[in-house]
Amino acid sequence: MKLLLDENLPKRLKPDFPGHEIFTVRDQNWNGIKNGELLKLLIDTNFDVLLTFDKNLQYQQNFLKYTITVFVLSAHINSYEELAKLSPLVKKYLDENSLPVGAVVIQLN
């Protein structure tokens, strides 16, 4: 699958998802692009998933319009050490046959 790490996530997360094509916003030269436009770009360039730390994204975008999976990583801070704890939960979704459309909040219970 083709994954994009939003600019609010550490690029050190890339190796946490072996077997997938994973890019950062910086890799794509998409820095500063607003969420709605970013979601359109993701669809137009055949990305499957956006990973973000932006907890408001799920309320700001109409996911009937943007048919893509967005994993909202929910932690106290966006450090690699905290977010890496969520990687196994994301991997479970990636291993399923079909991804949910829209925002999925990923957090430790």
PDB file of N, CA and C in Angstrom:
ATOM      1  N   MET A   1       0.831  -1.177   0.000  1.00  0.00           N
ATOM      2  CA  MET A   1       0.000   0.000   0.000  1.00  0.00           C
ATOM      3  C   MET A   1       0.879   1.246   0.000  1.00  0.00           C
ATOM      4  N   LYS A   2       0.304   2.313  -0.460  1.00  0.00           N
ATOM      5  CA  LYS A   2       1.023   3.577  -0.560  1.00  0.00           C
ATOM      6  C   LYS A   2       0.526   4.496   0.564  1.00  0.00           C
ATOM      7  N   LEU A   3       1.442   4.865   1.466  1.00  0.00           N
ATOM      8  CA  LEU A   3       1.111   5.636   2.662  1.00  0.00           C
ATOM      9  C   LEU A   3       1.816   6.987   2.647  1.00  0.00           C
ATOM     10  N   LEU A   4       1.153   7.992   3.231  1.00  0.00           N
ATOM     11  CA  LEU A   4       1.753   9.312   3.373  1.00  0.00           C
ATOM     12  C   LEU A   4       1.755   9.710   4.834  1.00  0.00           C
ATOM     13  N   LEU A   5       2.935  10.116   5.328  1.00  0.00           N
ATOM     14  CA  LEU A   5       3.048  10.684   6.673  1.00  0.00           C
ATOM     15  C   LEU A   5       2.844  12.190   6.565  1.00  0.00           C
ATOM     16  N   ASP A   6       1.874  12.709   7.283  1.00  0.00           N
ATOM     17  CA  ASP A   6       1.614  14.143   7.298  1.00  0.00           C
ATOM     18  C   ASP A   6       2.825  14.871   7.874  1.00  0.00           C
ATOM     19  N   GLU A   7       2.900  16.169   7.593  1.00  0.00           N
ATOM     20  CA  GLU A   7       4.074  16.934   8.034  1.00  0.00           C
ATOM     21  C   GLU A   7       4.149  17.099   9.545  1.00  0.00           C
ATOM     22  N   ASN A   8       3.091  16.749  10.275  1.00  0.00           N
ATOM     23  CA  ASN A   8       3.125  16.842  11.729  1.00  0.00           C
ATOM     24  C   ASN A   8       3.587  15.546  12.402  1.00  0.00           C
ATOM     25  N   LEU A   9       4.060  14.597  11.606  1.00  0.00           N
ATOM     26  CA  LEU A   9       4.571  13.328  12.143  1.00  0.00           C
ATOM     27  C   LEU A   9       6.067  13.210  11.888  1.00  0.00           C
ATOM     28  N   PRO A  10       6.788  12.559  12.808  1.00  0.00           N
ATOM     29  CA  PRO A  10       8.230  12.368  12.589  1.00  0.00           C
ATOM     30  C   PRO A  10       8.503  11.383  11.453  1.00  0.00           C
ATOM     31  N   LYS A  11       9.458  11.737  10.608  1.00  0.00           N
ATOM     32  CA  LYS A  11       9.796  10.859   9.478  1.00  0.00           C
ATOM     33  C   LYS A  11      10.390   9.536   9.939  1.00  0.00           C
ATOM     34  N   ARG A  12      10.813   9.481  11.190  1.00  0.00           N
ATOM     35  CA  ARG A  12      11.348   8.226  11.743  1.00  0.00           C
ATOM     36  C   ARG A  12      10.302   7.116  11.768  1.00  0.00           C
ATOM     37  N   LEU A  13       9.033   7.439  11.549  1.00  0.00           N
ATOM     38  CA  LEU A  13       7.992   6.406  11.499  1.00  0.00           C
ATOM     39  C   LEU A  13       8.037   5.583  10.215  1.00  0.00           C
ATOM     40  N   LYS A  14       8.707   6.078   9.195  1.00  0.00           N
ATOM     41  CA  LYS A  14       8.721   5.384   7.897  1.00  0.00           C
ATOM     42  C   LYS A  14       9.116   3.906   8.015  1.00  0.00           C
ATOM     43  N   PRO A  15      10.201   3.570   8.714  1.00  0.00           N
ATOM     44  CA  PRO A  15      10.596   2.157   8.799  1.00  0.00           C
ATOM     45  C   PRO A  15       9.633   1.281   9.618  1.00  0.00           C
ATOM     46  N   ASP A  16       8.687   1.898  10.326  1.00  0.00           N
ATOM     47  CA  ASP A  16       7.723   1.131  11.121  1.00  0.00           C
ATOM     48  C   ASP A  16       6.719   0.378  10.252  1.00  0.00           C
ATOM     49  N   PHE A  17       6.715   0.660   8.946  1.00  0.00           N
ATOM     50  CA  PHE A  17       5.735   0.051   8.048  1.00  0.00           C
ATOM     51  C   PHE A  17       6.412  -0.640   6.864  1.00  0.00           C
ATOM     52  N   PRO A  18       7.198  -1.686   7.163  1.00  0.00           N
ATOM     53  CA  PRO A  18       7.881  -2.402   6.081  1.00  0.00           C
ATOM     54  C   PRO A  18       6.859  -3.072   5.168  1.00  0.00           C
ATOM     55  N   GLY A  19       7.236  -3.210   3.917  1.00  0.00           N
ATOM     56  CA  GLY A  19       6.343  -3.844   2.957  1.00  0.00           C
ATOM     57  C   GLY A  19       5.348  -2.885   2.324  1.00  0.00           C
ATOM     58  N   HIS A  20       5.451  -1.614   2.686  1.00  0.00           N
ATOM     59  CA  HIS A  20       4.569  -0.599   2.125  1.00  0.00           C
ATOM     60  C   HIS A  20       5.420   0.517   1.539  1.00  0.00           C
ATOM     61  N   GLU A  21       4.881   1.189   0.533  1.00  0.00           N
ATOM     62  CA  GLU A  21       5.522   2.398   0.015  1.00  0.00           C
ATOM     63  C   GLU A  21       5.110   3.525   0.947  1.00  0.00           C
ATOM     64  N   ILE A  22       6.078   4.151   1.604  1.00  0.00           N
ATOM     65  CA  ILE A  22       5.723   5.203   2.551  1.00  0.00           C
ATOM     66  C   ILE A  22       6.538   6.452   2.253  1.00  0.00           C
ATOM     67  N   PHE A  23       5.833   7.549   2.185  1.00  0.00           N
ATOM     68  CA  PHE A  23       6.416   8.838   1.844  1.00  0.00           C
ATOM     69  C   PHE A  23       6.020   9.860   2.902  1.00  0.00           C
ATOM     70  N   THR A  24       6.804  10.915   2.996  1.00  0.00           N
ATOM     71  CA  THR A  24       6.433  12.046   3.835  1.00  0.00           C
ATOM     72  C   THR A  24       5.908  13.160   2.932  1.00  0.00           C
ATOM     73  N   VAL A  25       5.225  14.112   3.542  1.00  0.00           N
ATOM     74  CA  VAL A  25       4.763  15.287   2.796  1.00  0.00           C
ATOM     75  C   VAL A  25       5.967  15.971   2.149  1.00  0.00           C
ATOM     76  N   ARG A  26       7.072  16.027   2.876  1.00  0.00           N
ATOM     77  CA  ARG A  26       8.297  16.652   2.342  1.00  0.00           C
ATOM     78  C   ARG A  26       8.822  15.881   1.131  1.00  0.00           C
ATOM     79  N   ASP A  27       8.783  14.536   1.187  1.00  0.00           N
ATOM     80  CA  ASP A  27       9.222  13.727   0.040  1.00  0.00           C
ATOM     81  C   ASP A  27       8.446  14.094  -1.224  1.00  0.00           C
ATOM     82  N   GLN A  28       7.181  14.427  -1.066  1.00  0.00           N
ATOM     83  CA  GLN A  28       6.300  14.738  -2.202  1.00  0.00           C
ATOM     84  C   GLN A  28       6.323  16.229  -2.571  1.00  0.00           C
ATOM     85  N   ASN A  29       7.082  17.024  -1.812  1.00  0.00           N
ATOM     86  CA  ASN A  29       7.102  18.486  -2.002  1.00  0.00           C
ATOM     87  C   ASN A  29       5.715  19.100  -1.830  1.00  0.00           C
ATOM     88  N   TRP A  30       4.975  18.606  -0.834  1.00  0.00           N
ATOM     89  CA  TRP A  30       3.625  19.075  -0.560  1.00  0.00           C
ATOM     90  C   TRP A  30       3.542  19.872   0.747  1.00  0.00           C
ATOM     91  N   ASN A  31       4.665  20.387   1.229  1.00  0.00           N
ATOM     92  CA  ASN A  31       4.663  21.145   2.480  1.00  0.00           C
ATOM     93  C   ASN A  31       3.699  22.314   2.395  1.00  0.00           C
ATOM     94  N   GLY A  32       2.946  22.537   3.459  1.00  0.00           N
ATOM     95  CA  GLY A  32       2.066  23.693   3.552  1.00  0.00           C
ATOM     96  C   GLY A  32       0.748  23.558   2.830  1.00  0.00           C
ATOM     97  N   ILE A  33       0.489  22.429   2.175  1.00  0.00           N
ATOM     98  CA  ILE A  33      -0.775  22.249   1.464  1.00  0.00           C
ATOM     99  C   ILE A  33      -1.876  21.949   2.492  1.00  0.00           C
ATOM    100  N   LYS A  34      -2.980  22.639   2.353  1.00  0.00           N
ATOM    101  CA  LYS A  34      -4.107  22.480   3.282  1.00  0.00           C
ATOM    102  C   LYS A  34      -4.763  21.112   3.117  1.00  0.00           C
ATOM    103  N   ASN A  35      -5.459  20.673   4.169  1.00  0.00           N
ATOM    104  CA  ASN A  35      -5.986  19.310   4.233  1.00  0.00           C
ATOM    105  C   ASN A  35      -6.880  18.911   3.064  1.00  0.00           C
ATOM    106  N   GLY A  36      -7.837  19.747   2.687  1.00  0.00           N
ATOM    107  CA  GLY A  36      -8.729  19.389   1.584  1.00  0.00           C
ATOM    108  C   GLY A  36      -7.970  19.159   0.291  1.00  0.00           C
ATOM    109  N   GLU A  37      -7.059  20.056  -0.009  1.00  0.00           N
ATOM    110  CA  GLU A  37      -6.243  19.918  -1.221  1.00  0.00           C
ATOM    111  C   GLU A  37      -5.315  18.713  -1.109  1.00  0.00           C
ATOM    112  N   LEU A  38      -4.785  18.475   0.085  1.00  0.00           N
ATOM    113  CA  LEU A  38      -3.902  17.324   0.308  1.00  0.00           C
ATOM    114  C   LEU A  38      -4.663  16.026   0.063  1.00  0.00           C
ATOM    115  N   LEU A  39      -5.878  15.938   0.541  1.00  0.00           N
ATOM    116  CA  LEU A  39      -6.669  14.723   0.322  1.00  0.00           C
ATOM    117  C   LEU A  39      -6.931  14.499  -1.163  1.00  0.00           C
ATOM    118  N   LYS A  40      -7.196  15.560  -1.900  1.00  0.00           N
ATOM    119  CA  LYS A  40      -7.382  15.438  -3.353  1.00  0.00           C
ATOM    120  C   LYS A  40      -6.106  14.929  -4.016  1.00  0.00           C
ATOM    121  N   LEU A  41      -4.963  15.482  -3.614  1.00  0.00           N
ATOM    122  CA  LEU A  41      -3.678  15.036  -4.168  1.00  0.00           C
ATOM    123  C   LEU A  41      -3.433  13.555  -3.879  1.00  0.00           C
ATOM    124  N   LEU A  42      -3.764  13.136  -2.672  1.00  0.00           N
ATOM    125  CA  LEU A  42      -3.577  11.728  -2.297  1.00  0.00           C
ATOM    126  C   LEU A  42      -4.375  10.815  -3.219  1.00  0.00           C
ATOM    127  N   ILE A  43      -5.603  11.173  -3.468  1.00  0.00           N
ATOM    128  CA  ILE A  43      -6.453  10.361  -4.336  1.00  0.00           C
ATOM    129  C   ILE A  43      -5.925  10.387  -5.772  1.00  0.00           C
ATOM    130  N   ASP A  44      -5.567  11.580  -6.242  1.00  0.00           N
ATOM    131  CA  ASP A  44      -5.082  11.729  -7.627  1.00  0.00           C
ATOM    132  C   ASP A  44      -3.772  10.991  -7.875  1.00  0.00           C
ATOM    133  N   THR A  45      -2.969  10.776  -6.830  1.00  0.00           N
ATOM    134  CA  THR A  45      -1.666  10.115  -6.984  1.00  0.00           C
ATOM    135  C   THR A  45      -1.676   8.689  -6.414  1.00  0.00           C
ATOM    136  N   ASN A  46      -2.874   8.154  -6.245  1.00  0.00           N
ATOM    137  CA  ASN A  46      -3.067   6.743  -5.857  1.00  0.00           C
ATOM    138  C   ASN A  46      -2.505   6.360  -4.497  1.00  0.00           C
ATOM    139  N   PHE A  47      -2.543   7.279  -3.543  1.00  0.00           N
ATOM    140  CA  PHE A  47      -2.206   6.907  -2.169  1.00  0.00           C
ATOM    141  C   PHE A  47      -3.394   6.172  -1.572  1.00  0.00           C
ATOM    142  N   ASP A  48      -3.112   5.265  -0.648  1.00  0.00           N
ATOM    143  CA  ASP A  48      -4.164   4.509   0.036  1.00  0.00           C
ATOM    144  C   ASP A  48      -4.490   5.083   1.404  1.00  0.00           C
ATOM    145  N   VAL A  49      -3.471   5.665   2.064  1.00  0.00           N
ATOM    146  CA  VAL A  49      -3.619   6.053   3.465  1.00  0.00           C
ATOM    147  C   VAL A  49      -2.848   7.333   3.758  1.00  0.00           C
ATOM    148  N   LEU A  50      -3.456   8.175   4.594  1.00  0.00           N
ATOM    149  CA  LEU A  50      -2.773   9.319   5.201  1.00  0.00           C
ATOM    150  C   LEU A  50      -2.674   9.042   6.686  1.00  0.00           C
ATOM    151  N   LEU A  51      -1.475   9.206   7.235  1.00  0.00           N
ATOM    152  CA  LEU A  51      -1.292   9.147   8.683  1.00  0.00           C
ATOM    153  C   LEU A  51      -1.034  10.562   9.163  1.00  0.00           C
ATOM    154  N   THR A  52      -1.762  10.986  10.195  1.00  0.00           N
ATOM    155  CA  THR A  52      -1.650  12.353  10.679  1.00  0.00           C
ATOM    156  C   THR A  52      -1.761  12.412  12.191  1.00  0.00           C
ATOM    157  N   PHE A  53      -1.346  13.533  12.739  1.00  0.00           N
ATOM    158  CA  PHE A  53      -1.503  13.821  14.164  1.00  0.00           C
ATOM    159  C   PHE A  53      -2.604  14.866  14.353  1.00  0.00           C
ATOM    160  N   ASP A  54      -3.190  15.327  13.266  1.00  0.00           N
ATOM    161  CA  ASP A  54      -4.201  16.388  13.268  1.00  0.00           C
ATOM    162  C   ASP A  54      -5.547  15.824  13.716  1.00  0.00           C
ATOM    163  N   LYS A  55      -5.863  16.009  14.982  1.00  0.00           N
ATOM    164  CA  LYS A  55      -7.097  15.456  15.544  1.00  0.00           C
ATOM    165  C   LYS A  55      -8.350  16.163  15.022  1.00  0.00           C
ATOM    166  N   ASN A  56      -8.211  17.357  14.470  1.00  0.00           N
ATOM    167  CA  ASN A  56      -9.358  18.096  13.945  1.00  0.00           C
ATOM    168  C   ASN A  56      -9.731  17.684  12.529  1.00  0.00           C
ATOM    169  N   LEU A  57      -8.830  17.041  11.823  1.00  0.00           N
ATOM    170  CA  LEU A  57      -9.074  16.676  10.423  1.00  0.00           C
ATOM    171  C   LEU A  57     -10.366  15.896  10.255  1.00  0.00           C
ATOM    172  N   GLN A  58     -10.633  14.989  11.182  1.00  0.00           N
ATOM    173  CA  GLN A  58     -11.825  14.146  11.070  1.00  0.00           C
ATOM    174  C   GLN A  58     -13.122  14.947  11.129  1.00  0.00           C
ATOM    175  N   TYR A  59     -13.071  16.136  11.710  1.00  0.00           N
ATOM    176  CA  TYR A  59     -14.265  16.974  11.823  1.00  0.00           C
ATOM    177  C   TYR A  59     -14.323  18.045  10.730  1.00  0.00           C
ATOM    178  N   GLN A  60     -13.188  18.307  10.100  1.00  0.00           N
ATOM    179  CA  GLN A  60     -13.107  19.391   9.123  1.00  0.00           C
ATOM    180  C   GLN A  60     -13.356  18.942   7.689  1.00  0.00           C
ATOM    181  N   GLN A  61     -13.257  17.656   7.412  1.00  0.00           N
ATOM    182  CA  GLN A  61     -13.347  17.174   6.034  1.00  0.00           C
ATOM    183  C   GLN A  61     -14.561  16.264   5.857  1.00  0.00           C
ATOM    184  N   ASN A  62     -15.119  16.282   4.679  1.00  0.00           N
ATOM    185  CA  ASN A  62     -16.252  15.441   4.317  1.00  0.00           C
ATOM    186  C   ASN A  62     -15.710  14.168   3.674  1.00  0.00           C
ATOM    187  N   PHE A  63     -15.720  13.080   4.420  1.00  0.00           N
ATOM    188  CA  PHE A  63     -15.138  11.842   3.901  1.00  0.00           C
ATOM    189  C   PHE A  63     -16.081  11.082   2.977  1.00  0.00           C
ATOM    190  N   LEU A  64     -17.259  11.627   2.707  1.00  0.00           N
ATOM    191  CA  LEU A  64     -18.071  11.092   1.621  1.00  0.00           C
ATOM    192  C   LEU A  64     -17.491  11.574   0.301  1.00  0.00           C
ATOM    193  N   LYS A  65     -16.830  12.715   0.352  1.00  0.00           N
ATOM    194  CA  LYS A  65     -16.208  13.323  -0.823  1.00  0.00           C
ATOM    195  C   LYS A  65     -14.803  12.759  -1.067  1.00  0.00           C
ATOM    196  N   TYR A  66     -14.063  12.488  -0.002  1.00  0.00           N
ATOM    197  CA  TYR A  66     -12.687  11.989  -0.098  1.00  0.00           C
ATOM    198  C   TYR A  66     -12.662  10.534   0.345  1.00  0.00           C
ATOM    199  N   THR A  67     -12.624   9.643  -0.587  1.00  0.00           N
ATOM    200  CA  THR A  67     -12.689   8.213  -0.278  1.00  0.00           C
ATOM    201  C   THR A  67     -11.295   7.655  -0.028  1.00  0.00           C
ATOM    202  N   ILE A  68     -10.738   8.039   1.100  1.00  0.00           N
ATOM    203  CA  ILE A  68      -9.396   7.596   1.480  1.00  0.00           C
ATOM    204  C   ILE A  68      -9.389   7.314   2.973  1.00  0.00           C
ATOM    205  N   THR A  69      -8.479   6.479   3.401  1.00  0.00           N
ATOM    206  CA  THR A  69      -8.337   6.178   4.819  1.00  0.00           C
ATOM    207  C   THR A  69      -7.366   7.160   5.444  1.00  0.00           C
ATOM    208  N   VAL A  70      -7.763   7.722   6.574  1.00  0.00           N
ATOM    209  CA  VAL A  70      -6.903   8.636   7.326  1.00  0.00           C
ATOM    210  C   VAL A  70      -6.785   8.089   8.741  1.00  0.00           C
ATOM    211  N   PHE A  71      -5.580   7.722   9.110  1.00  0.00           N
ATOM    212  CA  PHE A  71      -5.330   7.285  10.482  1.00  0.00           C
ATOM    213  C   PHE A  71      -4.882   8.497  11.291  1.00  0.00           C
ATOM    214  N   VAL A  72      -5.675   8.853  12.290  1.00  0.00           N
ATOM    215  CA  VAL A  72      -5.356   9.957  13.186  1.00  0.00           C
ATOM    216  C   VAL A  72      -4.661   9.347  14.396  1.00  0.00           C
ATOM    217  N   LEU A  73      -3.354   9.566  14.498  1.00  0.00           N
ATOM    218  CA  LEU A  73      -2.585   9.005  15.603  1.00  0.00           C
ATOM    219  C   LEU A  73      -2.771   9.896  16.825  1.00  0.00           C
ATOM    220  N   SER A  74      -3.355   9.335  17.857  1.00  0.00           N
ATOM    221  CA  SER A  74      -3.699  10.100  19.051  1.00  0.00           C
ATOM    222  C   SER A  74      -2.770   9.717  20.201  1.00  0.00           C
ATOM    223  N   ALA A  75      -1.921  10.666  20.569  1.00  0.00           N
ATOM    224  CA  ALA A  75      -0.991  10.480  21.681  1.00  0.00           C
ATOM    225  C   ALA A  75      -0.838  11.828  22.384  1.00  0.00           C
ATOM    226  N   HIS A  76      -0.192  11.815  23.538  1.00  0.00           N
ATOM    227  CA  HIS A  76      -0.019  13.069  24.282  1.00  0.00           C
ATOM    228  C   HIS A  76       0.886  14.045  23.545  1.00  0.00           C
ATOM    229  N   ILE A  77       1.911  13.512  22.892  1.00  0.00           N
ATOM    230  CA  ILE A  77       2.827  14.343  22.109  1.00  0.00           C
ATOM    231  C   ILE A  77       3.161  13.595  20.819  1.00  0.00           C
ATOM    232  N   ASN A  78       3.644  14.334  19.836  1.00  0.00           N
ATOM    233  CA  ASN A  78       3.943  13.686  18.561  1.00  0.00           C
ATOM    234  C   ASN A  78       5.418  13.318  18.422  1.00  0.00           C
ATOM    235  N   SER A  79       5.977  12.776  19.489  1.00  0.00           N
ATOM    236  CA  SER A  79       7.356  12.284  19.426  1.00  0.00           C
ATOM    237  C   SER A  79       7.360  10.876  18.829  1.00  0.00           C
ATOM    238  N   TYR A  80       8.471  10.517  18.225  1.00  0.00           N
ATOM    239  CA  TYR A  80       8.574   9.179  17.650  1.00  0.00           C
ATOM    240  C   TYR A  80       8.320   8.115  18.717  1.00  0.00           C
ATOM    241  N   GLU A  81       8.868   8.300  19.888  1.00  0.00           N
ATOM    242  CA  GLU A  81       8.753   7.297  20.942  1.00  0.00           C
ATOM    243  C   GLU A  81       7.290   7.026  21.304  1.00  0.00           C
ATOM    244  N   GLU A  82       6.478   8.063  21.362  1.00  0.00           N
ATOM    245  CA  GLU A  82       5.060   7.893  21.675  1.00  0.00           C
ATOM    246  C   GLU A  82       4.286   7.317  20.496  1.00  0.00           C
ATOM    247  N   LEU A  83       4.521   7.846  19.319  1.00  0.00           N
ATOM    248  CA  LEU A  83       3.755   7.432  18.144  1.00  0.00           C
ATOM    249  C   LEU A  83       4.114   6.021  17.680  1.00  0.00           C
ATOM    250  N   ALA A  84       5.346   5.600  17.903  1.00  0.00           N
ATOM    251  CA  ALA A  84       5.755   4.249  17.511  1.00  0.00           C
ATOM    252  C   ALA A  84       4.950   3.186  18.260  1.00  0.00           C
ATOM    253  N   LYS A  85       4.434   3.535  19.426  1.00  0.00           N
ATOM    254  CA  LYS A  85       3.592   2.596  20.183  1.00  0.00           C
ATOM    255  C   LYS A  85       2.283   2.320  19.450  1.00  0.00           C
ATOM    256  N   LEU A  86       1.889   3.226  18.559  1.00  0.00           N
ATOM    257  CA  LEU A  86       0.643   3.078  17.810  1.00  0.00           C
ATOM    258  C   LEU A  86       0.831   2.333  16.485  1.00  0.00           C
ATOM    259  N   SER A  87       2.078   2.199  16.044  1.00  0.00           N
ATOM    260  CA  SER A  87       2.355   1.555  14.756  1.00  0.00           C
ATOM    261  C   SER A  87       1.769   0.150  14.648  1.00  0.00           C
ATOM    262  N   PRO A  88       1.870  -0.703  15.674  1.00  0.00           N
ATOM    263  CA  PRO A  88       1.271  -2.041  15.549  1.00  0.00           C
ATOM    264  C   PRO A  88      -0.245  -2.006  15.336  1.00  0.00           C
ATOM    265  N   LEU A  89      -0.913  -1.001  15.898  1.00  0.00           N
ATOM    266  CA  LEU A  89      -2.358  -0.883  15.719  1.00  0.00           C
ATOM    267  C   LEU A  89      -2.700  -0.484  14.282  1.00  0.00           C
ATOM    268  N   VAL A  90      -1.885   0.386  13.705  1.00  0.00           N
ATOM    269  CA  VAL A  90      -2.068   0.766  12.306  1.00  0.00           C
ATOM    270  C   VAL A  90      -1.803  -0.438  11.407  1.00  0.00           C
ATOM    271  N   LYS A  91      -0.752  -1.188  11.714  1.00  0.00           N
ATOM    272  CA  LYS A  91      -0.397  -2.364  10.903  1.00  0.00           C
ATOM    273  C   LYS A  91      -1.534  -3.376  10.852  1.00  0.00           C
ATOM    274  N   LYS A  92      -2.276  -3.526  11.948  1.00  0.00           N
ATOM    275  CA  LYS A  92      -3.414  -4.455  11.946  1.00  0.00           C
ATOM    276  C   LYS A  92      -4.423  -4.058  10.876  1.00  0.00           C
ATOM    277  N   TYR A  93      -4.703  -2.772  10.766  1.00  0.00           N
ATOM    278  CA  TYR A  93      -5.618  -2.299   9.718  1.00  0.00           C
ATOM    279  C   TYR A  93      -5.031  -2.542   8.327  1.00  0.00           C
ATOM    280  N   LEU A  94      -3.744  -2.268   8.181  1.00  0.00           N
ATOM    281  CA  LEU A  94      -3.103  -2.420   6.872  1.00  0.00           C
ATOM    282  C   LEU A  94      -3.088  -3.869   6.410  1.00  0.00           C
ATOM    283  N   ASP A  95      -3.079  -4.788   7.360  1.00  0.00           N
ATOM    284  CA  ASP A  95      -3.054  -6.213   7.026  1.00  0.00           C
ATOM    285  C   ASP A  95      -4.425  -6.763   6.636  1.00  0.00           C
ATOM    286  N   GLU A  96      -5.492  -6.003   6.888  1.00  0.00           N
ATOM    287  CA  GLU A  96      -6.837  -6.454   6.524  1.00  0.00           C
ATOM    288  C   GLU A  96      -7.032  -6.306   5.017  1.00  0.00           C
ATOM    289  N   ASN A  97      -8.012  -7.022   4.500  1.00  0.00           N
ATOM    290  CA  ASN A  97      -8.264  -6.994   3.057  1.00  0.00           C
ATOM    291  C   ASN A  97      -8.804  -5.660   2.566  1.00  0.00           C
ATOM    292  N   SER A  98      -9.585  -4.970   3.387  1.00  0.00           N
ATOM    293  CA  SER A  98     -10.137  -3.681   2.966  1.00  0.00           C
ATOM    294  C   SER A  98      -9.978  -2.660   4.092  1.00  0.00           C
ATOM    295  N   LEU A  99      -9.608  -1.467   3.688  1.00  0.00           N
ATOM    296  CA  LEU A  99      -9.428  -0.390   4.649  1.00  0.00           C
ATOM    297  C   LEU A  99     -10.732   0.379   4.816  1.00  0.00           C
ATOM    298  N   PRO A 100     -10.980   0.899   6.027  1.00  0.00           N
ATOM    299  CA  PRO A 100     -12.157   1.744   6.207  1.00  0.00           C
ATOM    300  C   PRO A 100     -11.954   3.083   5.500  1.00  0.00           C
ATOM    301  N   VAL A 101     -13.022   3.668   5.010  1.00  0.00           N
ATOM    302  CA  VAL A 101     -12.949   4.983   4.386  1.00  0.00           C
ATOM    303  C   VAL A 101     -13.204   6.016   5.469  1.00  0.00           C
ATOM    304  N   GLY A 102     -12.414   7.077   5.442  1.00  0.00           N
ATOM    305  CA  GLY A 102     -12.585   8.156   6.415  1.00  0.00           C
ATOM    306  C   GLY A 102     -11.557   8.097   7.513  1.00  0.00           C
ATOM    307  N   ALA A 103     -11.840   8.854   8.555  1.00  0.00           N
ATOM    308  CA  ALA A 103     -10.883   8.986   9.658  1.00  0.00           C
ATOM    309  C   ALA A 103     -11.056   7.853  10.670  1.00  0.00           C
ATOM    310  N   VAL A 104      -9.925   7.285  11.072  1.00  0.00           N
ATOM    311  CA  VAL A 104      -9.890   6.249  12.093  1.00  0.00           C
ATOM    312  C   VAL A 104      -8.902   6.734  13.148  1.00  0.00           C
ATOM    313  N   VAL A 105      -9.385   6.927  14.367  1.00  0.00           N
ATOM    314  CA  VAL A 105      -8.522   7.372  15.456  1.00  0.00           C
ATOM    315  C   VAL A 105      -7.787   6.159  16.020  1.00  0.00           C
ATOM    316  N   ILE A 106      -6.470   6.258  16.068  1.00  0.00           N
ATOM    317  CA  ILE A 106      -5.627   5.177  16.589  1.00  0.00           C
ATOM    318  C   ILE A 106      -5.038   5.665  17.920  1.00  0.00           C
ATOM    319  N   GLN A 107      -5.377   4.957  18.989  1.00  0.00           N
ATOM    320  CA  GLN A 107      -4.856   5.332  20.303  1.00  0.00           C
ATOM    321  C   GLN A 107      -4.707   4.094  21.173  1.00  0.00           C
ATOM    322  N   LEU A 108      -3.872   4.206  22.167  1.00  0.00           N
ATOM    323  CA  LEU A 108      -3.725   3.121  23.133  1.00  0.00           C
ATOM    324  C   LEU A 108      -4.873   3.225  24.125  1.00  0.00           C
ATOM    325  N   ASN A 109      -5.377   2.095  24.529  1.00  0.00           N
ATOM    326  CA  ASN A 109      -6.481   2.101  25.512  1.00  0.00           C
ATOM    327  C   ASN A 109      -5.976   2.258  26.912  1.00  0.00           C
TER     328      ASN A 109
END
